[in-house]
Protein backbone atom coordinates (compact mmCIF):
# COMPACT_ATOMS: atom_id res chain seq x y z
CA MET A 1 -0.95 -11.43 17.91
CA ARG A 2 -3.39 -10.99 20.74
CA ASP A 3 -0.89 -9.21 23.02
CA LEU A 4 0.28 -6.01 21.33
CA ALA A 5 3.18 -5.68 23.75
CA GLU A 6 4.72 -8.78 22.18
CA PHE A 7 4.45 -7.53 18.61
CA ASP A 8 7.61 -5.46 18.55
CA ALA A 9 9.54 -8.15 20.39
CA LEU A 10 8.56 -10.68 17.75
CA SER A 11 9.51 -8.17 15.05
CA ASP A 12 13.00 -7.90 16.51
CA ARG A 13 13.34 -11.67 16.75
CA LEU A 14 12.21 -12.08 13.15
CA ALA A 15 14.84 -9.60 12.02
CA GLY A 16 17.52 -11.21 14.16
CA GLY A 17 16.64 -14.70 13.01
CA PHE A 18 16.67 -13.87 9.33
CA ALA A 19 19.87 -11.85 9.65
CA GLY A 20 21.60 -15.12 10.52
CA VAL A 21 20.47 -16.88 7.33
CA PRO A 22 23.30 -17.36 4.81
CA GLY A 23 23.05 -14.73 2.11
CA ALA A 24 20.43 -12.64 3.91
CA HIS A 25 20.79 -8.96 3.12
CA GLY A 26 17.51 -7.31 4.03
CA LEU A 27 14.16 -7.59 5.80
CA VAL A 28 11.28 -5.24 4.96
CA PHE A 29 8.14 -5.07 7.09
CA LEU A 30 4.92 -4.04 5.36
CA GLY A 31 1.51 -2.66 6.31
CA SER A 32 0.67 -2.52 9.99
CA ALA A 33 3.88 -4.36 10.82
CA ALA A 34 5.66 -1.26 9.51
CA ALA A 35 3.16 1.31 10.80
CA GLY A 36 2.64 0.91 14.53
CA HIS A 37 -0.18 3.48 14.68
CA ARG A 38 -2.39 1.15 12.60
CA ARG A 39 -1.66 -1.97 14.62
CA ASP A 40 -4.30 -3.81 16.63
CA ARG A 41 -4.75 -7.28 18.10
CA TRP A 42 -5.60 -8.70 14.67
CA SER A 43 -2.52 -7.40 12.88
CA ASP A 44 -0.27 -9.90 11.14
CA HIS A 45 3.42 -9.71 10.39
CA ASP A 46 3.76 -9.03 6.66
CA PHE A 47 7.29 -8.83 5.32
CA LEU A 48 9.75 -9.47 2.51
CA ALA A 49 12.92 -11.41 3.30
CA LEU A 50 15.65 -10.56 0.76
CA VAL A 51 18.48 -12.96 0.08
CA GLU A 52 21.38 -13.34 -2.34
CA GLU A 53 20.56 -15.36 -5.46
CA LYS A 54 22.75 -18.38 -4.73
CA TYR A 55 21.15 -18.82 -1.30
CA ALA A 56 17.54 -18.17 -2.30
CA GLU A 57 16.41 -21.80 -2.68
CA SER A 58 17.97 -22.90 0.60
CA ALA A 59 16.46 -19.90 2.43
CA ARG A 60 13.00 -20.91 1.20
CA ALA A 61 13.55 -24.58 1.98
CA ASN A 62 14.63 -24.03 5.59
CA LEU A 63 12.51 -21.69 7.73
CA ASP A 64 14.10 -22.57 11.05
CA TRP A 65 14.95 -18.89 11.46
CA LEU A 66 11.30 -18.14 12.30
CA PRO A 67 10.90 -17.38 16.03
CA ASP A 68 9.54 -20.17 18.25
CA PRO A 69 9.39 -22.81 15.51
CA GLU A 70 7.88 -25.31 17.97
CA ARG A 71 4.78 -23.07 18.16
CA VAL A 72 4.23 -22.93 14.40
CA LEU A 73 1.19 -25.09 13.61
CA CYS A 74 1.55 -24.92 9.85
CA VAL A 75 3.42 -23.20 7.06
CA ALA A 76 1.55 -23.00 3.75
CA ARG A 77 3.12 -22.03 0.43
CA GLU A 78 1.63 -19.22 -1.64
CA GLY A 79 3.16 -19.40 -5.06
CA GLU A 80 6.88 -19.85 -5.62
CA LEU A 81 8.09 -17.19 -3.20
CA GLY A 82 5.30 -16.73 -0.66
CA PHE A 83 4.48 -18.29 2.70
CA SER A 84 1.80 -18.06 5.39
CA ALA A 85 2.70 -19.33 8.85
CA LEU A 86 0.19 -19.85 11.67
CA TYR A 87 1.22 -19.84 15.34
CA ASP A 88 -0.59 -21.62 18.14
CA ASP A 89 -2.02 -18.32 19.45
CA GLY A 90 -3.56 -17.45 16.07
CA HIS A 91 -0.85 -15.03 14.99
CA VAL A 92 -0.06 -15.09 11.27
CA LEU A 93 3.09 -14.34 9.32
CA GLU A 94 2.64 -13.59 5.63
CA PHE A 95 5.93 -13.23 3.82
CA ALA A 96 7.99 -13.83 0.72
CA VAL A 97 11.59 -14.98 0.53
CA GLY A 98 13.46 -14.02 -2.60
CA THR A 99 16.08 -11.97 -4.33
CA THR A 100 15.68 -8.29 -5.16
CA LYS A 101 15.24 -9.39 -8.78
CA GLU A 102 12.50 -11.90 -7.93
CA LEU A 103 10.65 -9.34 -5.83
CA ALA A 104 11.43 -6.33 -8.03
CA ALA A 105 7.80 -5.88 -9.08
CA ALA A 106 6.45 -5.78 -5.53
CA PRO A 107 4.60 -2.52 -4.81
CA LEU A 108 5.43 -1.25 -1.33
CA ASP A 109 3.07 1.14 0.41
CA GLU A 110 3.90 1.42 4.12
CA ALA A 111 7.31 -0.21 4.52
CA LYS A 112 9.99 -0.36 7.20
CA LEU A 113 13.51 -1.62 6.51
CA MET A 114 14.55 -3.65 9.55
CA PHE A 115 18.08 -4.20 8.32
CA GLY A 116 19.97 -3.99 5.05
CA ASP A 117 22.50 -2.00 3.08
CA THR A 118 21.98 0.81 0.55
CA ARG A 119 20.68 -1.71 -2.00
CA MET A 120 17.81 -2.44 0.34
CA ARG A 121 17.04 1.24 0.79
CA ASP A 122 16.95 1.57 -2.99
CA PHE A 123 14.70 -1.52 -3.19
CA VAL A 124 12.19 0.01 -0.75
CA ASP A 125 12.27 3.39 -2.50
CA ALA A 126 11.64 1.76 -5.88
CA GLY A 127 8.72 -0.23 -4.45
CA GLN A 128 7.15 2.89 -3.00
CA ASP A 129 7.66 4.70 -6.30
CA ARG A 130 5.67 1.91 -8.00
CA VAL A 131 2.76 2.57 -5.64
CA ALA A 132 2.93 6.29 -6.33
CA ALA A 133 2.85 5.55 -10.06
CA VAL A 134 -0.34 3.44 -9.90
CA PRO A 135 -2.64 4.83 -12.63
CA ALA A 136 -5.50 7.04 -11.50
CA ILE A 137 -8.86 5.31 -11.17
CA ASP A 138 -11.48 5.94 -13.85
CA PRO A 139 -14.66 5.84 -11.74
CA ALA A 140 -17.04 5.63 -14.71
CA ASN A 141 -15.18 2.59 -15.99
CA GLU A 142 -15.20 1.02 -12.52
CA VAL A 143 -18.97 1.50 -12.15
CA ALA A 144 -19.60 0.05 -15.59
CA LEU A 145 -17.52 -2.99 -14.71
CA ALA A 146 -19.40 -3.35 -11.42
CA TYR A 147 -22.71 -3.54 -13.27
CA ILE A 148 -21.36 -6.03 -15.79
CA LYS A 149 -20.03 -8.27 -13.00
CA LEU A 150 -23.38 -8.05 -11.19
CA LEU A 151 -25.20 -9.16 -14.33
CA ILE A 152 -22.80 -12.04 -14.97
CA GLY A 153 -23.09 -13.15 -11.35
CA TYR A 154 -26.87 -12.99 -11.45
CA GLY A 155 -26.83 -15.14 -14.58
CA ARG A 156 -24.56 -17.69 -12.90
CA ALA A 157 -26.98 -17.87 -9.97
CA CYS A 158 -29.93 -18.42 -12.33
CA ARG A 159 -28.00 -21.35 -13.85
CA GLY A 160 -27.49 -22.83 -10.42
CA GLU A 161 -23.78 -21.93 -10.30
CA ARG A 162 -24.14 -20.22 -6.96
CA ILE A 163 -20.52 -20.42 -5.83
CA ALA A 164 -19.30 -18.80 -9.04
CA ALA A 165 -22.15 -16.30 -8.81
CA GLY A 166 -21.07 -15.26 -5.33
CA ARG A 167 -17.57 -14.51 -6.55
CA PHE A 168 -18.93 -12.13 -9.19
CA VAL A 169 -21.53 -10.39 -7.02
CA ARG A 170 -19.81 -10.31 -3.63
CA GLY A 171 -16.26 -10.12 -4.92
CA TRP A 172 -15.43 -8.58 -8.27
CA ALA A 173 -18.47 -6.31 -8.58
CA VAL A 174 -17.88 -4.94 -5.09
CA ASP A 175 -14.18 -4.36 -5.77
CA HIS A 176 -15.04 -2.17 -8.76
CA LEU A 177 -17.75 -0.31 -6.84
CA LEU A 178 -15.42 0.44 -3.93
CA ARG A 179 -12.81 1.89 -6.25
CA ALA A 180 -15.43 4.14 -7.81
CA VAL A 181 -16.63 5.32 -4.40
CA ARG A 182 -13.06 6.05 -3.33
CA ALA A 183 -12.59 8.17 -6.45
CA ARG A 184 -15.89 10.08 -6.22
CA VAL A 185 -16.94 10.39 -2.57
CA LEU A 186 -15.10 12.27 0.17
CA PRO A 187 -14.24 9.96 3.08
CA HIS A 188 -15.34 10.44 6.66
CA GLY A 189 -12.47 11.50 8.92
CA ALA A 190 -8.82 10.92 8.17
CA ALA A 191 -8.77 7.17 7.52
CA ARG A 192 -5.85 6.47 5.18
CA ALA A 193 -6.76 4.72 1.94
CA ASP A 194 -4.78 1.69 0.82
CA PRO A 195 -3.67 2.45 -2.77
CA LEU A 196 -3.59 -1.28 -3.57
CA ASP A 197 -6.84 -2.45 -1.95
CA ALA A 198 -9.93 -0.22 -1.92
CA SER A 199 -11.66 -2.41 0.68
CA ARG A 200 -9.07 -1.78 3.40
CA ARG A 201 -10.36 0.65 6.03
CA PHE A 202 -13.41 1.36 3.86
CA ASP A 203 -15.69 0.88 6.88
CA SER A 204 -14.12 3.73 8.81
CA ALA A 205 -13.84 5.99 5.75
CA TYR A 206 -17.44 5.44 4.59
CA PRO A 207 -19.39 4.02 7.55
CA HIS A 208 -22.88 4.64 6.14
CA ILE A 209 -22.10 3.15 2.73
CA ALA A 210 -20.25 0.24 4.31
CA ALA A 211 -23.22 -0.60 6.54
CA GLN A 212 -25.61 -0.62 3.56
CA LEU A 213 -23.22 -2.69 1.49
CA ASP A 214 -22.66 -5.17 4.30
CA TYR A 215 -26.42 -5.63 4.64
CA ALA A 216 -26.83 -6.06 0.89
CA LEU A 217 -24.11 -8.68 0.66
CA ALA A 218 -25.72 -10.71 3.44
CA GLN A 219 -28.78 -11.32 1.25
CA PRO A 220 -29.21 -14.26 -1.15
CA ILE A 221 -27.16 -13.74 -4.29
CA GLU A 222 -29.99 -12.54 -6.53
CA GLN A 223 -31.17 -9.96 -4.01
CA ALA A 224 -27.60 -8.97 -3.20
CA ALA A 225 -27.04 -8.20 -6.88
CA ARG A 226 -30.18 -6.04 -6.98
CA ASP A 227 -29.28 -4.21 -3.78
CA VAL A 228 -25.70 -3.49 -4.86
CA ALA A 229 -26.94 -2.26 -8.25
CA MET A 230 -29.31 0.15 -6.51
CA LEU A 231 -26.76 1.23 -3.91
CA ALA A 232 -24.34 2.24 -6.65
CA ARG A 233 -26.94 4.61 -8.03
CA VAL A 234 -27.93 6.00 -4.66
CA VAL A 235 -24.33 6.72 -3.71
CA LEU A 236 -22.88 7.87 -7.02
CA GLU A 237 -25.39 8.87 -9.67
CA ARG A 238 -26.87 12.16 -8.45
CA GLY A 239 -24.86 15.14 -9.64
CA TRP A 240 -22.43 13.10 -11.73
CA ASP A 241 -22.82 13.38 -15.50
CA GLY A 242 -20.29 10.60 -16.04
CA PHE A 243 -22.37 7.96 -14.27
CA PRO A 244 -23.33 5.17 -16.73
CA THR A 245 -27.07 5.54 -16.21
CA ARG A 246 -28.18 3.57 -19.27
CA THR A 247 -25.97 0.68 -18.23
CA ALA A 248 -27.41 0.79 -14.72
CA GLU A 249 -30.99 0.87 -16.02
CA LEU A 250 -30.46 -2.08 -18.34
CA VAL A 251 -28.74 -4.21 -15.71
CA GLN A 252 -31.37 -3.40 -13.09
CA SER A 253 -34.15 -4.36 -15.49
CA LEU A 254 -32.44 -7.69 -16.17
CA LEU A 255 -31.97 -8.27 -12.45
CA GLY A 256 -35.69 -7.83 -11.98
CA SER A 257 -35.49 -4.63 -9.93
CA GLY A 258 -36.51 -2.10 -12.58
CA GLY A 259 -34.63 1.13 -13.18
CA ALA A 260 -36.18 3.50 -10.71
CA GLY A 261 -32.89 5.18 -9.95
CA PRO A 262 -31.75 6.69 -6.66
CA SER A 263 -34.22 7.42 -3.91
């Protein structure tokens, strides 16, 4: 939503609209929709719409309760319970409609209960407990996986499978590297980490690393793989006995960049 002043008004209309749906018994906002201090002009409305079991199918089939339905350009399904709706001003709603049983596994980090009874409060508390119980990251394992994904991606590129290669190098390998950095390197400032997505707010927490990584990922796939492999060593290896140096050296040699180590 480009006008932040309208965000809260739309939030209230979302809650009011869903409250009128038969069987509705709770609406939970997530992320920046729940935490106003993190909101900016690119923030979406992310939420869970909870409904009684016998009304669940009809609630998913009829979304007329969304505000300003005439301004909704499209509604796309994401799995059985999820939806993404796009408004004519570019604002996005990402949400799921289901029962507490169907959504019982949902981890909830920042969450705000817009309406609901004690069951909904218990639902939110349980979701936040699941986030708190996320296993601790093993940075050595994450770095090892990053190198393996880089090698696989490089091999895909050499075969000519460049789309698949990009997913390994620019996607999965980076995800593992970011988790390792989060676990080993102190962030800059007080940027809050997202326990479910290491890439969120990484740029503000690690501006220097993020700038180098962004540059590396803009290179052709083969060079991107080499640069990410080297960056991992530069950022993490020095002073850490648990760093998988032999793995890094082997992968770098196979990527054609040698094993010179951090500079």
